[in-house]
Amino acid sequence: MSDTIELVRFRLQQGKTSADWLKANEKINNWMEGQPGFRFRSLSETDDGEWLDLVYWESLEAANAASEKFGAEMMSVCEPLVAHDSVVISRSKAHVMQRG
């Protein structure tokens, strides 16, 4: 199976907690699940406080279309929590070799 994998790396603003971010992500998850081409997503936090948001899409086109809409529709959820200068986004076409 060929997918597009989107990796978003970021940190929270000082004073914001994991619980704050996870609560906000309830809205983001609902939005993501409604996007054409969305497959699945995982959200992880490293020991040093960096977040890794890994999203699987059917295609690069689906990932790009969702990205264009995300700013207008969901940025208000992220802005109060995410340190803007910490965000790094990459998208790659990949072949999922095993999913479990």
Protein backbone atom coordinates (compact mmCIF):
# COMPACT_ATOMS: atom_id res chain seq x y z
CA MET A 1 0.00 0.00 0.00
CA SER A 2 1.33 3.44 -0.91
CA ASP A 3 0.50 6.36 1.32
CA THR A 4 1.68 9.86 2.03
CA ILE A 5 3.03 10.22 5.52
CA GLU A 6 2.94 13.64 7.12
CA LEU A 7 5.17 14.29 10.11
CA VAL A 8 4.58 17.43 12.16
CA ARG A 9 7.12 18.14 14.91
CA PHE A 10 6.48 20.90 17.44
CA ARG A 11 6.65 22.04 21.05
CA LEU A 12 4.00 23.58 23.23
CA GLN A 13 4.20 27.16 24.41
CA GLN A 14 5.76 27.64 27.82
CA GLY A 15 3.19 27.06 30.55
CA LYS A 16 0.97 24.82 28.39
CA THR A 17 0.58 21.19 29.42
CA SER A 18 0.17 17.86 27.69
CA ALA A 19 -3.34 17.72 29.12
CA ASP A 20 -4.13 21.09 27.49
CA TRP A 21 -2.93 19.81 24.12
CA LEU A 22 -4.70 16.46 24.35
CA LYS A 23 -7.99 18.20 25.18
CA ALA A 24 -7.60 20.50 22.16
CA ASN A 25 -6.83 17.46 20.02
CA GLU A 26 -10.32 16.11 20.48
CA LYS A 27 -11.46 18.82 18.03
CA ILE A 28 -8.50 18.23 15.71
CA ASN A 29 -9.13 14.46 15.64
CA ASN A 30 -12.78 14.98 14.71
CA TRP A 31 -11.76 17.38 11.95
CA MET A 32 -9.05 15.04 10.60
CA GLU A 33 -11.39 12.06 10.47
CA GLY A 34 -13.70 14.05 8.21
CA GLN A 35 -11.01 14.89 5.63
CA PRO A 36 -11.00 13.03 2.31
CA GLY A 37 -8.06 10.65 2.07
CA PHE A 38 -7.35 10.52 5.81
CA ARG A 39 -6.22 7.06 6.93
CA PHE A 40 -5.01 7.31 10.54
CA ARG A 41 -2.95 9.40 12.93
CA SER A 42 -0.73 8.99 15.99
CA LEU A 43 0.32 11.66 18.44
CA SER A 44 3.38 11.19 20.66
CA GLU A 45 5.41 13.27 23.08
CA THR A 46 9.13 12.72 23.56
CA ASP A 47 10.83 12.78 26.95
CA ASP A 48 12.14 16.28 26.23
CA GLY A 49 8.73 17.73 25.32
CA GLU A 50 8.74 17.57 21.53
CA TRP A 51 5.48 16.37 19.99
CA LEU A 52 5.34 14.10 16.92
CA ASP A 53 2.10 14.10 14.97
CA LEU A 54 2.24 11.34 12.36
CA VAL A 55 -0.62 11.33 9.83
CA TYR A 56 -1.22 8.82 7.05
CA TRP A 57 -3.04 9.99 3.91
CA GLU A 58 -4.16 8.20 0.73
CA SER A 59 -2.11 10.57 -1.40
CA LEU A 60 -0.01 13.71 -1.43
CA GLU A 61 -2.96 15.54 -2.97
CA ALA A 62 -5.19 14.59 -0.01
CA ALA A 63 -2.51 15.70 2.48
CA ASN A 64 -2.02 19.02 0.68
CA ALA A 65 -5.75 19.68 0.43
CA ALA A 66 -6.24 19.05 4.16
CA SER A 67 -3.23 21.23 4.97
CA GLU A 68 -4.71 24.14 3.00
CA LYS A 69 -8.01 23.85 4.90
CA PHE A 70 -6.40 23.27 8.29
CA GLY A 71 -5.10 26.83 8.60
CA ALA A 72 -8.51 28.41 8.09
CA GLU A 73 -10.54 25.85 10.00
CA MET A 74 -8.34 24.62 12.87
CA MET A 75 -5.54 27.13 13.48
CA SER A 76 -7.56 28.80 16.25
CA VAL A 77 -7.30 25.52 18.20
CA CYS A 78 -3.49 25.35 17.80
CA GLU A 79 -2.40 28.98 18.12
CA PRO A 80 -2.94 29.34 21.88
CA LEU A 81 -0.93 26.16 22.57
CA VAL A 82 1.78 25.51 19.99
CA ALA A 83 5.10 27.40 19.93
CA HIS A 84 4.96 28.67 16.34
CA ASP A 85 8.72 28.81 15.79
CA SER A 86 9.03 25.12 16.70
CA VAL A 87 6.81 23.68 13.95
CA VAL A 88 8.46 21.50 11.27
CA ILE A 89 6.31 19.73 8.67
CA SER A 90 7.38 17.09 6.17
CA ARG A 91 5.42 14.88 3.78
CA SER A 92 6.76 11.78 2.07
CA LYS A 93 5.31 9.12 -0.17
CA ALA A 94 5.98 5.76 1.43
CA HIS A 95 4.98 2.13 1.19
CA VAL A 96 3.48 0.87 4.42
CA MET A 97 5.22 -2.45 4.97
CA GLN A 98 3.49 -3.47 8.17
CA ARG A 99 0.73 -2.02 10.28
CA GLY A 100 -0.16 -3.48 13.62
